[in-house]
Protein backbone atom coordinates (compact mmCIF):
# COMPACT_ATOMS: atom_id res chain seq x y z
CA MET A 1 30.68 -12.16 -13.14
CA ASN A 2 31.07 -10.19 -16.41
CA THR A 3 27.52 -10.87 -17.37
CA PHE A 4 26.25 -9.60 -13.99
CA ILE A 5 28.29 -6.39 -14.26
CA ILE A 6 26.95 -5.75 -17.76
CA LEU A 7 23.40 -6.39 -16.56
CA LEU A 8 23.88 -3.87 -13.71
CA GLY A 9 25.01 -1.30 -16.30
CA VAL A 10 21.97 -2.03 -18.53
CA GLY A 11 19.62 -1.79 -15.58
CA TYR A 12 21.07 1.58 -14.57
CA LEU A 13 20.72 2.91 -18.19
CA ILE A 14 17.14 1.76 -18.38
CA GLY A 15 16.27 3.37 -15.07
CA SER A 16 17.82 6.70 -16.00
CA LEU A 17 15.31 7.26 -18.71
CA SER A 18 13.12 9.95 -17.25
CA PRO A 19 9.99 10.71 -19.26
CA GLY A 20 8.82 13.28 -16.68
CA TYR A 21 11.77 15.46 -17.32
CA PHE A 22 11.38 15.31 -21.05
CA PHE A 23 7.62 15.89 -21.03
CA GLY A 24 8.37 19.07 -18.88
CA ARG A 25 10.96 20.30 -21.40
CA ILE A 26 8.91 19.49 -24.54
CA VAL A 27 5.35 20.32 -23.43
CA LYS A 28 5.85 23.13 -20.91
CA SER A 29 9.46 24.27 -21.54
CA ILE A 30 10.28 23.80 -17.83
CA ASP A 31 12.49 21.75 -15.77
CA VAL A 32 10.06 19.89 -13.40
CA ARG A 33 12.90 19.49 -10.98
CA LYS A 34 12.61 23.18 -10.11
CA PHE A 35 9.00 23.18 -9.16
CA GLY A 36 6.59 21.27 -6.94
CA ASN A 37 8.26 18.52 -5.13
CA LYS A 38 11.36 19.08 -7.36
CA ASN A 39 11.71 15.68 -8.98
CA THR A 40 10.95 13.87 -12.22
CA GLY A 41 8.32 11.44 -10.78
CA ALA A 42 4.71 10.90 -11.85
CA ALA A 43 3.09 12.87 -9.17
CA ASN A 44 5.12 15.97 -9.98
CA THR A 45 4.71 15.53 -13.72
CA TYR A 46 0.92 15.03 -13.20
CA ARG A 47 0.65 18.43 -11.43
CA LEU A 48 2.99 20.42 -13.59
CA VAL A 49 2.67 19.06 -17.08
CA GLY A 50 -0.74 17.39 -17.08
CA PRO A 51 -2.70 14.21 -16.11
CA VAL A 52 -2.01 12.19 -19.28
CA TYR A 53 1.75 12.88 -19.03
CA GLY A 54 1.66 12.01 -15.42
CA ILE A 55 -0.01 8.72 -16.02
CA ILE A 56 2.41 7.78 -18.78
CA THR A 57 5.32 8.76 -16.50
CA GLY A 58 4.02 6.66 -13.66
CA VAL A 59 3.57 3.57 -15.85
CA PHE A 60 6.95 4.01 -17.56
CA ASP A 61 8.70 4.53 -14.14
CA ALA A 62 7.05 1.41 -12.76
CA LEU A 63 8.07 -0.71 -15.83
CA LYS A 64 11.70 0.33 -15.89
CA ALA A 65 12.92 -1.66 -13.02
CA THR A 66 10.48 -4.45 -14.07
CA LEU A 67 12.09 -4.55 -17.51
CA ALA A 68 15.61 -4.57 -16.01
CA TYR A 69 14.71 -7.46 -13.69
CA TRP A 70 13.03 -9.46 -16.49
CA ILE A 71 16.05 -9.15 -18.71
CA ALA A 72 18.30 -10.26 -15.86
CA VAL A 73 16.17 -13.17 -14.55
CA ASN A 74 16.44 -14.93 -17.89
CA GLN A 75 20.26 -15.08 -17.45
CA ILE A 76 20.99 -15.10 -13.70
CA ASN A 77 19.46 -16.27 -10.34
CA PRO A 78 16.05 -14.63 -9.59
CA ASP A 79 17.25 -13.32 -6.28
CA LEU A 80 20.44 -11.92 -7.77
CA ALA A 81 18.29 -10.26 -10.52
CA ILE A 82 16.78 -8.05 -7.81
CA LEU A 83 20.13 -6.21 -7.69
CA VAL A 84 19.78 -5.46 -11.41
CA GLY A 85 16.24 -4.11 -10.78
CA LEU A 86 17.70 -1.98 -7.99
CA ALA A 87 20.37 -0.66 -10.37
CA ALA A 88 17.43 0.61 -12.52
CA VAL A 89 15.96 2.30 -9.42
CA VAL A 90 19.39 3.93 -8.78
CA GLY A 91 19.35 5.14 -12.41
CA HIS A 92 15.87 6.56 -11.82
CA ILE A 93 16.95 8.48 -8.72
CA TRP A 94 20.41 9.51 -9.95
CA PRO A 95 20.43 9.77 -13.73
CA PHE A 96 23.93 10.76 -14.95
CA TYR A 97 22.81 13.20 -17.62
CA LEU A 98 20.56 15.13 -15.22
CA LYS A 99 23.43 15.79 -12.84
CA PHE A 100 22.15 12.90 -10.75
CA ARG A 101 18.87 14.49 -9.80
CA GLY A 102 15.85 12.37 -10.91
CA GLY A 103 12.79 10.93 -9.14
CA ARG A 104 12.29 9.38 -5.73
CA GLY A 105 11.96 5.72 -7.00
CA ALA A 106 8.57 4.76 -5.43
CA ALA A 107 6.92 3.64 -8.63
CA SER A 108 10.09 1.86 -9.90
CA LEU A 109 10.34 0.00 -6.46
CA ALA A 110 6.62 -0.98 -6.71
CA GLY A 111 7.15 -2.41 -10.17
CA LEU A 112 10.21 -4.30 -9.15
CA SER A 113 8.43 -5.72 -6.06
CA ALA A 114 5.64 -7.05 -8.21
CA ILE A 115 7.82 -8.95 -10.67
CA ALA A 116 10.27 -10.13 -7.93
CA LEU A 117 7.19 -11.68 -6.04
CA TYR A 118 6.19 -13.40 -9.41
CA TYR A 119 9.51 -15.13 -9.91
CA THR A 120 10.62 -15.78 -6.34
CA GLN A 121 9.14 -15.94 -2.78
CA SER A 122 12.44 -16.47 -1.05
CA TRP A 123 13.46 -14.64 2.09
CA TYR A 124 15.62 -12.37 0.07
CA ALA A 125 12.68 -11.18 -1.94
CA LEU A 126 10.45 -10.78 1.10
CA ILE A 127 13.27 -8.75 2.87
CA PHE A 128 13.60 -6.53 -0.22
CA ILE A 129 9.89 -5.90 -0.42
CA THR A 130 9.68 -4.95 3.23
CA GLY A 131 12.51 -2.55 2.61
CA ALA A 132 10.79 -1.14 -0.51
CA ILE A 133 7.60 -0.50 1.57
CA THR A 134 9.59 1.11 4.33
CA TYR A 135 11.33 3.39 1.82
CA GLY A 136 8.01 4.29 0.33
CA MET A 137 6.53 5.21 3.72
CA ILE A 138 9.41 6.85 5.46
CA PHE A 139 12.42 7.78 3.35
CA ASN A 140 10.26 8.79 0.41
CA GLN A 141 8.49 11.16 2.80
CA VAL A 142 4.93 10.11 2.08
CA PRO A 143 2.94 12.49 4.37
CA PHE A 144 0.68 10.21 6.33
CA GLN A 145 -2.04 11.82 8.38
CA ALA A 146 -2.38 10.71 12.00
CA PRO A 147 0.59 8.37 12.10
CA VAL A 148 -0.31 7.16 15.59
CA ARG A 149 -3.64 5.90 14.18
CA LYS A 150 -1.75 4.03 11.52
CA ILE A 151 0.61 2.47 14.01
CA LEU A 152 -2.35 1.42 16.14
CA LYS A 153 -4.04 -0.04 12.97
CA LEU A 154 -0.91 -2.10 12.27
CA GLY A 155 -1.18 -3.29 15.91
CA GLY A 156 -4.59 -4.75 14.92
CA LEU A 157 -2.65 -7.46 13.09
CA ILE A 158 -2.43 -9.23 16.41
CA PHE A 159 -6.08 -10.31 16.02
CA PRO A 160 -5.97 -12.22 12.63
CA LEU A 161 -2.35 -13.46 13.22
CA GLY A 162 -3.37 -14.49 16.70
CA LEU A 163 -5.41 -17.30 15.20
CA PHE A 164 -2.11 -19.10 14.44
CA TRP A 165 -1.44 -19.52 18.19
CA PHE A 166 -4.76 -19.25 20.00
CA THR A 167 -8.28 -20.54 19.49
CA LYS A 168 -10.67 -18.72 17.34
CA SER A 169 -13.14 -18.37 20.16
CA GLY A 170 -10.44 -16.94 22.43
CA VAL A 171 -9.32 -14.29 19.98
CA THR A 172 -12.93 -13.48 19.16
CA ASN A 173 -13.82 -13.03 22.83
CA VAL A 174 -10.88 -10.58 23.24
CA VAL A 175 -12.00 -8.59 20.26
CA ALA A 176 -15.63 -8.56 21.58
CA TRP A 177 -14.58 -7.29 24.98
CA LEU A 178 -12.49 -4.48 23.43
CA PHE A 179 -15.33 -3.57 21.05
CA ALA A 180 -17.79 -3.36 24.01
CA ILE A 181 -15.47 -1.19 26.01
CA LEU A 182 -14.78 1.26 23.28
CA LEU A 183 -18.52 1.30 22.22
CA ILE A 184 -19.49 2.22 25.81
CA PHE A 185 -16.83 5.01 25.86
CA ASP A 186 -18.14 6.37 22.50
CA PHE A 187 -21.65 6.55 23.84
CA ILE A 188 -20.44 8.34 27.02
CA ARG A 189 -18.39 10.88 25.19
CA LEU A 190 -21.18 11.55 22.69
CA LEU A 191 -23.53 12.21 25.53
CA VAL A 192 -20.98 14.36 27.46
CA PRO A 193 -19.89 17.28 25.20
CA ARG A 194 -16.98 18.25 27.45
CA LEU A 195 -15.52 14.71 27.29
CA ASN A 196 -16.15 14.53 23.55
CA LEU A 197 -14.29 17.87 23.10
CA LYS A 198 -11.28 16.58 25.18
CA TYR A 199 -11.23 13.48 23.02
CA LEU A 200 -11.31 15.43 19.79
CA GLU A 201 -8.38 17.64 21.00
CA LEU A 202 -6.25 14.62 20.81
CA GLY A 203 -5.56 15.21 17.12
CA PHE A 204 -3.08 12.49 16.86
CA LEU A 205 -5.74 9.91 17.94
CA ALA A 206 -9.11 11.43 16.91
CA LYS A 207 -10.71 12.58 13.60
CA ARG A 208 -13.16 15.41 13.15
CA LYS A 209 -15.64 13.10 11.56
CA GLU A 210 -15.91 11.34 14.89
CA THR A 211 -17.51 14.37 16.52
CA LYS A 212 -20.93 12.96 16.23
CA PHE A 213 -20.16 9.36 15.39
CA LEU A 214 -18.47 6.31 16.63
CA SER A 215 -14.62 6.24 16.51
CA GLY A 216 -12.69 4.46 13.80
CA TYR A 217 -11.28 2.20 16.49
CA THR A 218 -14.76 1.01 17.45
CA LEU A 219 -15.76 0.43 13.90
CA PHE A 220 -12.52 -1.46 13.15
CA LEU A 221 -13.17 -3.79 16.10
CA ALA A 222 -16.75 -4.24 14.89
CA GLY A 223 -15.56 -5.25 11.45
CA THR A 224 -12.86 -7.49 12.87
CA LEU A 225 -15.39 -9.16 15.21
CA VAL A 226 -17.85 -10.03 12.39
CA VAL A 227 -15.16 -11.39 10.08
CA LEU A 228 -13.49 -13.50 12.82
CA LYS A 229 -16.84 -14.82 14.17
CA TYR A 230 -18.76 -15.68 10.97
CA PHE A 231 -16.12 -16.67 8.49
CA SER A 232 -13.52 -19.40 8.18
CA SER A 233 -10.14 -18.79 9.86
CA GLU A 234 -8.40 -18.84 6.43
CA ILE A 235 -10.62 -16.16 5.10
CA ALA A 236 -10.50 -14.12 8.30
CA ILE A 237 -6.65 -14.15 8.53
CA PHE A 238 -6.14 -13.12 4.92
CA ILE A 239 -8.91 -10.51 4.72
CA MET A 240 -8.06 -8.76 7.97
CA SER A 241 -4.29 -8.84 7.33
CA ALA A 242 -4.74 -7.60 3.79
CA PHE A 243 -7.18 -4.88 4.81
CA ILE A 244 -4.93 -3.54 7.64
CA VAL A 245 -1.76 -3.53 5.44
CA SER A 246 -3.53 -1.87 2.47
CA ASP A 247 -5.36 0.72 4.63
CA VAL A 248 -2.10 1.78 6.15
CA LEU A 249 -0.34 2.09 2.76
CA ALA A 250 -3.30 3.72 0.88
CA PRO A 251 -2.26 7.36 1.62
CA ALA A 252 0.78 6.77 -0.50
CA GLY A 253 -1.36 6.29 -3.49
CA LYS A 254 -3.48 9.35 -2.75
CA GLN A 255 -0.69 11.74 -2.07
CA ALA A 256 2.41 10.51 -3.89
CA PHE A 257 1.60 7.98 -6.54
CA LEU A 258 -0.92 8.87 -9.29
CA PRO A 259 -3.02 11.22 -7.26
CA ILE A 260 -5.84 11.18 -9.93
CA ARG A 261 -9.22 11.69 -8.44
CA PHE A 262 -11.58 8.77 -9.20
CA ILE A 263 -14.65 8.77 -6.92
CA LYS A 264 -15.15 11.64 -4.42
CA GLU A 265 -11.80 12.03 -2.65
CA LYS A 266 -10.62 8.54 -3.70
CA THR A 267 -7.81 8.28 -6.32
CA ILE A 268 -6.60 5.84 -8.91
CA GLY A 269 -3.27 5.72 -7.14
CA GLY A 270 -4.95 4.75 -3.93
CA ALA A 271 -6.82 1.89 -5.51
CA ILE A 272 -3.60 0.61 -7.04
CA VAL A 273 -1.82 0.72 -3.66
CA VAL A 274 -4.74 -0.99 -1.84
CA PHE A 275 -4.70 -3.79 -4.45
CA THR A 276 -0.90 -4.09 -4.23
CA GLY A 277 -0.85 -4.00 -0.44
CA ALA A 278 -3.52 -6.73 -0.21
CA VAL A 279 -1.59 -8.97 -2.76
CA LEU A 280 1.63 -8.45 -0.72
CA ALA A 281 -0.15 -9.42 2.50
CA GLY A 282 -1.48 -12.61 0.85
CA ILE A 283 1.95 -13.53 -0.50
CA PHE A 284 3.58 -12.95 2.80
CA LEU A 285 1.08 -15.17 4.55
CA ASN A 286 1.69 -17.89 1.95
CA SER A 287 5.41 -17.66 2.45
CA LEU A 288 5.70 -17.17 6.20
CA SER A 289 2.73 -19.01 7.74
CA PRO A 290 1.09 -22.43 7.61
CA LEU A 291 -1.67 -20.99 5.34
CA SER A 292 -1.82 -22.04 1.72
CA LEU A 293 -3.83 -19.41 -0.02
CA PRO A 294 -4.64 -19.97 -3.78
CA LEU A 295 -3.39 -17.16 -6.07
CA LYS A 296 -6.98 -16.78 -7.33
CA LEU A 297 -8.15 -16.05 -3.74
CA ILE A 298 -5.44 -13.49 -3.15
CA LEU A 299 -5.99 -11.68 -6.45
CA SER A 300 -9.72 -11.71 -6.21
CA GLY A 301 -9.68 -10.46 -2.57
CA ALA A 302 -7.16 -7.69 -3.44
CA ALA A 303 -9.35 -6.55 -6.39
CA ILE A 304 -12.53 -6.62 -4.33
CA MET A 305 -10.91 -4.54 -1.65
CA ALA A 306 -9.63 -1.99 -4.08
CA ILE A 307 -13.09 -1.55 -5.63
CA LEU A 308 -14.99 -1.49 -2.39
CA ASP A 309 -12.49 1.05 -0.86
CA GLN A 310 -13.67 3.55 -3.53
CA PHE A 311 -17.14 3.57 -1.97
CA SER A 312 -16.05 3.98 1.65
CA PHE A 313 -17.59 7.42 1.58
CA LEU A 314 -20.99 5.71 1.82
CA VAL A 315 -20.17 3.32 4.61
CA ASP A 316 -17.02 3.43 6.84
CA ASP A 317 -14.21 1.34 5.28
CA ASN A 318 -13.63 -0.48 8.58
CA LEU A 319 -17.03 -2.10 8.09
CA LEU A 320 -17.52 -2.06 4.35
CA VAL A 321 -14.23 -3.42 3.03
CA PRO A 322 -13.53 -6.41 5.28
CA ILE A 323 -17.07 -7.63 5.77
CA SER A 324 -18.10 -7.28 2.22
CA THR A 325 -14.85 -8.79 0.87
CA ALA A 326 -15.40 -11.80 3.20
CA VAL A 327 -19.04 -12.26 2.02
CA ILE A 328 -18.01 -12.12 -1.62
CA LEU A 329 -15.05 -14.40 -1.41
CA THR A 330 -17.07 -16.91 0.55
CA LEU A 331 -19.80 -16.97 -2.00
CA VAL A 332 -17.76 -16.69 -5.28
CA VAL A 333 -14.31 -18.00 -4.88
């Protein structure tokens, strides 16, 4: 018990180290907590102090809880060590020497999630990671655009996960019918300007880029149909689940975590979140389903998705990412 209490204290102290605050004081002579989003995190440091300092802050913040967990896991149970990592997150959010006003903890939670997954895949770890993602999406106030579209996208998980209970041909037929219905609707609205205008006025469902093109829903079903029909069930379940999860989480990287522009409007933070989301999806499938996905397959698929997502300005990501990833994994892994 004494060891555990000491480890909690060590975790808190490690987490309380806030490079963003010190960079602001030393480089710009400002308190970053008084500007921007008013915290010491990487995104605020990036905008107020500079890109290099923002990157260093992001990496350091992500490694703080990771280090605290690593120190603890060598002395106590891996699941219990999560609490030590969380103590570091608490230190990051409420550092004692800054009057308990630090960062939001998103980067620290991401680092802790990654190392916790490495050491344990128990229910405790999975529940923690689910909570960390929820915090990052909701309580951390990541400003998602068109949340209804994101919820509908998450609903698309019913197609790959449906393969666990229904035949592949049955699920594929359902997707094919839905695709045909939406495709017909798209053609009609594109031919009838008044109907198209009414559709576009539904801002919570429609996007401006769909004014003269097929909707994202139709393209998503097209990509899903191809992957389900022409690739193995194992590949289809992993790729579509990973794509859906990473696509929903991607805005967090673009808007809150390392918003460093990489290609066009894509960011390094977005690529990291896509990779992490795909890895999490693969590990969840390994832990909670009959699938047995090799780590090589999960990591390769996640890396391919993160790279392809950067080029979705050329071809819609609903087509480019899942189909191309399926092709590459089938040929290479």
